[in-house]
PDB file of N, CA and C in Angstrom:
ATOM      1  N   MET A   1       0.842  -1.185   0.000  1.00  0.00           N
ATOM      2  CA  MET A   1       0.000   0.000   0.000  1.00  0.00           C
ATOM      3  C   MET A   1       0.880   1.239   0.000  1.00  0.00           C
ATOM      4  N   ARG A   2       0.555   2.166  -0.872  1.00  0.00           N
ATOM      5  CA  ARG A   2       1.340   3.390  -1.013  1.00  0.00           C
ATOM      6  C   ARG A   2       0.749   4.491  -0.130  1.00  0.00           C
ATOM      7  N   VAL A   3       1.567   5.100   0.682  1.00  0.00           N
ATOM      8  CA  VAL A   3       1.127   6.165   1.575  1.00  0.00           C
ATOM      9  C   VAL A   3       1.554   7.500   0.983  1.00  0.00           C
ATOM     10  N   LEU A   4       0.594   8.402   0.811  1.00  0.00           N
ATOM     11  CA  LEU A   4       0.905   9.729   0.285  1.00  0.00           C
ATOM     12  C   LEU A   4       1.122  10.696   1.437  1.00  0.00           C
ATOM     13  N   LYS A   5       2.104  11.545   1.271  1.00  0.00           N
ATOM     14  CA  LYS A   5       2.432  12.505   2.310  1.00  0.00           C
ATOM     15  C   LYS A   5       1.953  13.890   1.886  1.00  0.00           C
ATOM     16  N   MET A   6       1.375  14.644   2.820  1.00  0.00           N
ATOM     17  CA  MET A   6       0.931  16.008   2.527  1.00  0.00           C
ATOM     18  C   MET A   6       2.143  16.900   2.291  1.00  0.00           C
ATOM     19  N   ARG A   7       2.017  17.742   1.307  1.00  0.00           N
ATOM     20  CA  ARG A   7       3.067  18.733   1.055  1.00  0.00           C
ATOM     21  C   ARG A   7       2.928  19.880   2.050  1.00  0.00           C
ATOM     22  N   ASP A   8       4.010  20.632   2.199  1.00  0.00           N
ATOM     23  CA  ASP A   8       3.952  21.802   3.071  1.00  0.00           C
ATOM     24  C   ASP A   8       3.120  22.918   2.449  1.00  0.00           C
ATOM     25  N   SER A   9       3.138  23.002   1.110  1.00  0.00           N
ATOM     26  CA  SER A   9       2.328  24.013   0.423  1.00  0.00           C
ATOM     27  C   SER A   9       1.936  23.494  -0.959  1.00  0.00           C
ATOM     28  N   TYR A  10       0.871  24.073  -1.499  1.00  0.00           N
ATOM     29  CA  TYR A  10       0.375  23.695  -2.816  1.00  0.00           C
ATOM     30  C   TYR A  10       0.240  24.941  -3.672  1.00  0.00           C
ATOM     31  N   ASP A  11       0.415  24.796  -4.995  1.00  0.00           N
ATOM     32  CA  ASP A  11       0.322  25.917  -5.934  1.00  0.00           C
ATOM     33  C   ASP A  11      -1.062  25.915  -6.579  1.00  0.00           C
ATOM     34  N   PHE A  12      -1.870  26.909  -6.245  1.00  0.00           N
ATOM     35  CA  PHE A  12      -3.202  27.037  -6.816  1.00  0.00           C
ATOM     36  C   PHE A  12      -3.284  28.173  -7.836  1.00  0.00           C
ATOM     37  N   SER A  13      -2.145  28.633  -8.314  1.00  0.00           N
ATOM     38  CA  SER A  13      -2.129  29.778  -9.228  1.00  0.00           C
ATOM     39  C   SER A  13      -2.831  29.485 -10.554  1.00  0.00           C
ATOM     40  N   LYS A  14      -2.891  28.229 -10.974  1.00  0.00           N
ATOM     41  CA  LYS A  14      -3.534  27.872 -12.243  1.00  0.00           C
ATOM     42  C   LYS A  14      -4.918  27.244 -12.014  1.00  0.00           C
ATOM     43  N   SER A  15      -5.440  27.384 -10.823  1.00  0.00           N
ATOM     44  CA  SER A  15      -6.750  26.793 -10.521  1.00  0.00           C
ATOM     45  C   SER A  15      -7.866  27.628 -11.148  1.00  0.00           C
ATOM     46  N   LYS A  16      -9.011  26.991 -11.336  1.00  0.00           N
ATOM     47  CA  LYS A  16     -10.170  27.658 -11.925  1.00  0.00           C
ATOM     48  C   LYS A  16     -11.283  27.693 -10.880  1.00  0.00           C
ATOM     49  N   PRO A  17     -12.148  28.717 -10.949  1.00  0.00           N
ATOM     50  CA  PRO A  17     -13.263  28.774 -10.009  1.00  0.00           C
ATOM     51  C   PRO A  17     -14.210  27.588 -10.213  1.00  0.00           C
ATOM     52  N   ASN A  18     -14.860  27.188  -9.153  1.00  0.00           N
ATOM     53  CA  ASN A  18     -15.822  26.099  -9.214  1.00  0.00           C
ATOM     54  C   ASN A  18     -17.026  26.535 -10.049  1.00  0.00           C
ATOM     55  N   PRO A  19     -17.312  25.850 -11.186  1.00  0.00           N
ATOM     56  CA  PRO A  19     -18.446  26.270 -12.021  1.00  0.00           C
ATOM     57  C   PRO A  19     -19.796  26.011 -11.365  1.00  0.00           C
ATOM     58  N   TYR A  20     -19.822  25.215 -10.318  1.00  0.00           N
ATOM     59  CA  TYR A  20     -21.067  24.888  -9.641  1.00  0.00           C
ATOM     60  C   TYR A  20     -21.284  25.712  -8.370  1.00  0.00           C
ATOM     61  N   ALA A  21     -20.392  26.635  -8.088  1.00  0.00           N
ATOM     62  CA  ALA A  21     -20.461  27.393  -6.840  1.00  0.00           C
ATOM     63  C   ALA A  21     -21.763  28.177  -6.709  1.00  0.00           C
ATOM     64  N   LYS A  22     -22.328  28.643  -7.819  1.00  0.00           N
ATOM     65  CA  LYS A  22     -23.579  29.396  -7.751  1.00  0.00           C
ATOM     66  C   LYS A  22     -24.756  28.490  -7.404  1.00  0.00           C
ATOM     67  N   LYS A  23     -24.611  27.183  -7.616  1.00  0.00           N
ATOM     68  CA  LYS A  23     -25.699  26.260  -7.358  1.00  0.00           C
ATOM     69  C   LYS A  23     -25.542  25.511  -6.038  1.00  0.00           C
ATOM     70  N   LEU A  24     -24.603  25.914  -5.214  1.00  0.00           N
ATOM     71  CA  LEU A  24     -24.427  25.249  -3.930  1.00  0.00           C
ATOM     72  C   LEU A  24     -25.676  25.449  -3.081  1.00  0.00           C
ATOM     73  N   LYS A  25     -25.994  24.472  -2.293  1.00  0.00           N
ATOM     74  CA  LYS A  25     -27.179  24.553  -1.451  1.00  0.00           C
ATOM     75  C   LYS A  25     -26.852  25.282  -0.156  1.00  0.00           C
ATOM     76  N   LYS A  26     -27.855  25.953   0.365  1.00  0.00           N
ATOM     77  CA  LYS A  26     -27.704  26.679   1.615  1.00  0.00           C
ATOM     78  C   LYS A  26     -28.491  25.947   2.691  1.00  0.00           C
ATOM     79  N   GLN A  27     -27.867  25.733   3.808  1.00  0.00           N
ATOM     80  CA  GLN A  27     -28.530  25.054   4.918  1.00  0.00           C
ATOM     81  C   GLN A  27     -29.452  26.037   5.628  1.00  0.00           C
ATOM     82  N   VAL A  28     -30.701  25.610   5.820  1.00  0.00           N
ATOM     83  CA  VAL A  28     -31.676  26.423   6.550  1.00  0.00           C
ATOM     84  C   VAL A  28     -32.392  25.531   7.562  1.00  0.00           C
ATOM     85  N   THR A  29     -33.033  26.162   8.505  1.00  0.00           N
ATOM     86  CA  THR A  29     -33.867  25.433   9.453  1.00  0.00           C
ATOM     87  C   THR A  29     -35.310  25.734   9.089  1.00  0.00           C
ATOM     88  N   ILE A  30     -36.109  24.688   8.963  1.00  0.00           N
ATOM     89  CA  ILE A  30     -37.514  24.851   8.614  1.00  0.00           C
ATOM     90  C   ILE A  30     -38.331  23.934   9.513  1.00  0.00           C
ATOM     91  N   ARG A  31     -39.441  24.422   9.971  1.00  0.00           N
ATOM     92  CA  ARG A  31     -40.312  23.636  10.850  1.00  0.00           C
ATOM     93  C   ARG A  31     -41.427  23.036  10.006  1.00  0.00           C
ATOM     94  N   LEU A  32     -41.503  21.713   9.992  1.00  0.00           N
ATOM     95  CA  LEU A  32     -42.522  20.996   9.238  1.00  0.00           C
ATOM     96  C   LEU A  32     -43.300  20.090  10.175  1.00  0.00           C
ATOM     97  N   ASP A  33     -44.564  19.891   9.863  1.00  0.00           N
ATOM     98  CA  ASP A  33     -45.378  18.960  10.651  1.00  0.00           C
ATOM     99  C   ASP A  33     -44.822  17.549  10.503  1.00  0.00           C
ATOM    100  N   GLU A  34     -44.964  16.745  11.562  1.00  0.00           N
ATOM    101  CA  GLU A  34     -44.452  15.374  11.535  1.00  0.00           C
ATOM    102  C   GLU A  34     -45.077  14.554  10.412  1.00  0.00           C
ATOM    103  N   ASP A  35     -46.391  14.754  10.174  1.00  0.00           N
ATOM    104  CA  ASP A  35     -47.036  13.978   9.120  1.00  0.00           C
ATOM    105  C   ASP A  35     -46.526  14.369   7.728  1.00  0.00           C
ATOM    106  N   THR A  36     -46.137  15.623   7.568  1.00  0.00           N
ATOM    107  CA  THR A  36     -45.557  16.067   6.298  1.00  0.00           C
ATOM    108  C   THR A  36     -44.207  15.391   6.081  1.00  0.00           C
ATOM    109  N   ILE A  37     -43.396  15.354   7.110  1.00  0.00           N
ATOM    110  CA  ILE A  37     -42.085  14.709   7.018  1.00  0.00           C
ATOM    111  C   ILE A  37     -42.249  13.226   6.718  1.00  0.00           C
ATOM    112  N   GLU A  38     -43.163  12.575   7.406  1.00  0.00           N
ATOM    113  CA  GLU A  38     -43.393  11.141   7.184  1.00  0.00           C
ATOM    114  C   GLU A  38     -43.876  10.874   5.758  1.00  0.00           C
ATOM    115  N   TYR A  39     -44.719  11.763   5.231  1.00  0.00           N
ATOM    116  CA  TYR A  39     -45.187  11.623   3.857  1.00  0.00           C
ATOM    117  C   TYR A  39     -44.004  11.641   2.886  1.00  0.00           C
ATOM    118  N   PHE A  40     -43.151  12.650   3.022  1.00  0.00           N
ATOM    119  CA  PHE A  40     -42.009  12.775   2.118  1.00  0.00           C
ATOM    120  C   PHE A  40     -40.983  11.660   2.339  1.00  0.00           C
ATOM    121  N   LYS A  41     -40.820  11.201   3.575  1.00  0.00           N
ATOM    122  CA  LYS A  41     -39.903  10.088   3.828  1.00  0.00           C
ATOM    123  C   LYS A  41     -40.394   8.817   3.137  1.00  0.00           C
ATOM    124  N   GLY A  42     -41.705   8.555   3.223  1.00  0.00           N
ATOM    125  CA  GLY A  42     -42.268   7.381   2.546  1.00  0.00           C
ATOM    126  C   GLY A  42     -42.147   7.478   1.038  1.00  0.00           C
ATOM    127  N   LEU A  43     -42.451   8.652   0.507  1.00  0.00           N
ATOM    128  CA  LEU A  43     -42.346   8.874  -0.936  1.00  0.00           C
ATOM    129  C   LEU A  43     -40.894   8.749  -1.397  1.00  0.00           C
ATOM    130  N   ALA A  44     -39.984   9.295  -0.609  1.00  0.00           N
ATOM    131  CA  ALA A  44     -38.561   9.237  -0.938  1.00  0.00           C
ATOM    132  C   ALA A  44     -38.056   7.795  -0.930  1.00  0.00           C
ATOM    133  N   GLU A  45     -38.538   7.010   0.020  1.00  0.00           N
ATOM    134  CA  GLU A  45     -38.131   5.600   0.086  1.00  0.00           C
ATOM    135  C   GLU A  45     -38.614   4.856  -1.155  1.00  0.00           C
ATOM    136  N   ASP A  46     -39.838   5.136  -1.596  1.00  0.00           N
ATOM    137  CA  ASP A  46     -40.377   4.510  -2.806  1.00  0.00           C
ATOM    138  C   ASP A  46     -39.584   4.897  -4.043  1.00  0.00           C
ATOM    139  N   LYS A  47     -39.127   6.152  -4.074  1.00  0.00           N
ATOM    140  CA  LYS A  47     -38.399   6.667  -5.243  1.00  0.00           C
ATOM    141  C   LYS A  47     -36.900   6.403  -5.167  1.00  0.00           C
ATOM    142  N   GLY A  48     -36.403   6.055  -3.980  1.00  0.00           N
ATOM    143  CA  GLY A  48     -34.977   5.770  -3.829  1.00  0.00           C
ATOM    144  C   GLY A  48     -34.100   7.006  -3.770  1.00  0.00           C
ATOM    145  N   VAL A  49     -34.652   8.100  -3.227  1.00  0.00           N
ATOM    146  CA  VAL A  49     -33.872   9.331  -3.068  1.00  0.00           C
ATOM    147  C   VAL A  49     -34.001   9.803  -1.618  1.00  0.00           C
ATOM    148  N   PRO A  50     -33.054  10.597  -1.134  1.00  0.00           N
ATOM    149  CA  PRO A  50     -33.176  11.141   0.225  1.00  0.00           C
ATOM    150  C   PRO A  50     -34.399  12.069   0.317  1.00  0.00           C
ATOM    151  N   TYR A  51     -35.082  12.035   1.451  1.00  0.00           N
ATOM    152  CA  TYR A  51     -36.313  12.813   1.576  1.00  0.00           C
ATOM    153  C   TYR A  51     -36.074  14.314   1.496  1.00  0.00           C
ATOM    154  N   GLN A  52     -34.919  14.783   1.979  1.00  0.00           N
ATOM    155  CA  GLN A  52     -34.631  16.218   1.890  1.00  0.00           C
ATOM    156  C   GLN A  52     -34.444  16.639   0.436  1.00  0.00           C
ATOM    157  N   SER A  53     -33.847  15.763  -0.375  1.00  0.00           N
ATOM    158  CA  SER A  53     -33.698  16.051  -1.804  1.00  0.00           C
ATOM    159  C   SER A  53     -35.064  16.089  -2.473  1.00  0.00           C
ATOM    160  N   LEU A  54     -35.947  15.201  -2.076  1.00  0.00           N
ATOM    161  CA  LEU A  54     -37.292  15.165  -2.644  1.00  0.00           C
ATOM    162  C   LEU A  54     -38.065  16.438  -2.298  1.00  0.00           C
ATOM    163  N   ILE A  55     -37.970  16.883  -1.060  1.00  0.00           N
ATOM    164  CA  ILE A  55     -38.621  18.134  -0.666  1.00  0.00           C
ATOM    165  C   ILE A  55     -38.050  19.288  -1.468  1.00  0.00           C
ATOM    166  N   ASN A  56     -36.731  19.314  -1.651  1.00  0.00           N
ATOM    167  CA  ASN A  56     -36.093  20.371  -2.430  1.00  0.00           C
ATOM    168  C   ASN A  56     -36.584  20.349  -3.876  1.00  0.00           C
ATOM    169  N   LEU A  57     -36.673  19.159  -4.477  1.00  0.00           N
ATOM    170  CA  LEU A  57     -37.166  19.045  -5.853  1.00  0.00           C
ATOM    171  C   LEU A  57     -38.603  19.547  -5.968  1.00  0.00           C
ATOM    172  N   TYR A  58     -39.437  19.195  -5.003  1.00  0.00           N
ATOM    173  CA  TYR A  58     -40.833  19.633  -5.019  1.00  0.00           C
ATOM    174  C   TYR A  58     -40.925  21.156  -4.900  1.00  0.00           C
ATOM    175  N   LEU A  59     -40.185  21.729  -3.966  1.00  0.00           N
ATOM    176  CA  LEU A  59     -40.218  23.181  -3.785  1.00  0.00           C
ATOM    177  C   LEU A  59     -39.648  23.907  -5.003  1.00  0.00           C
ATOM    178  N   ARG A  60     -38.589  23.356  -5.605  1.00  0.00           N
ATOM    179  CA  ARG A  60     -38.018  23.951  -6.806  1.00  0.00           C
ATOM    180  C   ARG A  60     -39.035  23.943  -7.944  1.00  0.00           C
ATOM    181  N   ASP A  61     -39.759  22.812  -8.087  1.00  0.00           N
ATOM    182  CA  ASP A  61     -40.792  22.719  -9.119  1.00  0.00           C
ATOM    183  C   ASP A  61     -41.878  23.765  -8.890  1.00  0.00           C
ATOM    184  N   CYS A  62     -42.283  23.948  -7.643  1.00  0.00           N
ATOM    185  CA  CYS A  62     -43.276  24.973  -7.321  1.00  0.00           C
ATOM    186  C   CYS A  62     -42.778  26.369  -7.700  1.00  0.00           C
ATOM    187  N   ALA A  63     -41.530  26.646  -7.386  1.00  0.00           N
ATOM    188  CA  ALA A  63     -40.960  27.963  -7.676  1.00  0.00           C
ATOM    189  C   ALA A  63     -40.816  28.192  -9.180  1.00  0.00           C
ATOM    190  N   GLN A  64     -40.351  27.179  -9.918  1.00  0.00           N
ATOM    191  CA  GLN A  64     -40.149  27.330 -11.359  1.00  0.00           C
ATOM    192  C   GLN A  64     -41.464  27.467 -12.112  1.00  0.00           C
ATOM    193  N   SER A  65     -42.495  26.805 -11.629  1.00  0.00           N
ATOM    194  CA  SER A  65     -43.789  26.886 -12.312  1.00  0.00           C
ATOM    195  C   SER A  65     -44.658  28.008 -11.734  1.00  0.00           C
ATOM    196  N   HIS A  66     -44.102  28.773 -10.802  1.00  0.00           N
ATOM    197  CA  HIS A  66     -44.787  29.920 -10.179  1.00  0.00           C
ATOM    198  C   HIS A  66     -46.151  29.518  -9.611  1.00  0.00           C
ATOM    199  N   LYS A  67     -46.177  28.392  -8.914  1.00  0.00           N
ATOM    200  CA  LYS A  67     -47.425  27.942  -8.298  1.00  0.00           C
ATOM    201  C   LYS A  67     -47.863  28.962  -7.255  1.00  0.00           C
ATOM    202  N   ASP A  68     -49.139  29.255  -7.279  1.00  0.00           N
ATOM    203  CA  ASP A  68     -49.693  30.198  -6.322  1.00  0.00           C
ATOM    204  C   ASP A  68     -50.458  29.422  -5.264  1.00  0.00           C
ATOM    205  N   LEU A  69     -50.272  29.784  -4.044  1.00  0.00           N
ATOM    206  CA  LEU A  69     -50.923  29.105  -2.925  1.00  0.00           C
ATOM    207  C   LEU A  69     -52.292  29.731  -2.662  1.00  0.00           C
ATOM    208  N   THR A  70     -53.294  28.892  -2.582  1.00  0.00           N
ATOM    209  CA  THR A  70     -54.638  29.342  -2.245  1.00  0.00           C
ATOM    210  C   THR A  70     -54.917  28.912  -0.816  1.00  0.00           C
ATOM    211  N   MET A  71     -55.203  29.887   0.038  1.00  0.00           N
ATOM    212  CA  MET A  71     -55.450  29.575   1.441  1.00  0.00           C
ATOM    213  C   MET A  71     -56.854  30.030   1.816  1.00  0.00           C
ATOM    214  N   LYS A  72     -57.555  29.177   2.518  1.00  0.00           N
ATOM    215  CA  LYS A  72     -58.873  29.528   3.031  1.00  0.00           C
ATOM    216  C   LYS A  72     -58.870  29.292   4.532  1.00  0.00           C
ATOM    217  N   TRP A  73     -59.083  30.339   5.274  1.00  0.00           N
ATOM    218  CA  TRP A  73     -59.113  30.226   6.744  1.00  0.00           C
ATOM    219  C   TRP A  73     -60.543  29.898   7.165  1.00  0.00           C
ATOM    220  N   GLN A  74     -60.670  28.962   8.048  1.00  0.00           N
ATOM    221  CA  GLN A  74     -62.005  28.582   8.522  1.00  0.00           C
ATOM    222  C   GLN A  74     -62.166  28.888   9.977  1.00  0.00           C
TER     223      GLN A  74
END
């Protein structure tokens, strides 16, 4: 087995910016009802994706299609 040793310094003068940096995700805290989380966890398990990714995909779809929320207070 070959062991690599860390150098004392590295040359990044020819490095390029990360092309995906604008699409990095931002961590936020959001409060969701337990039944909502369980719904997405079950759906995510059926689809084979992490539930947080599924929630993100759903919210992104809502934003891209400019879905408008209709609320009726009773």
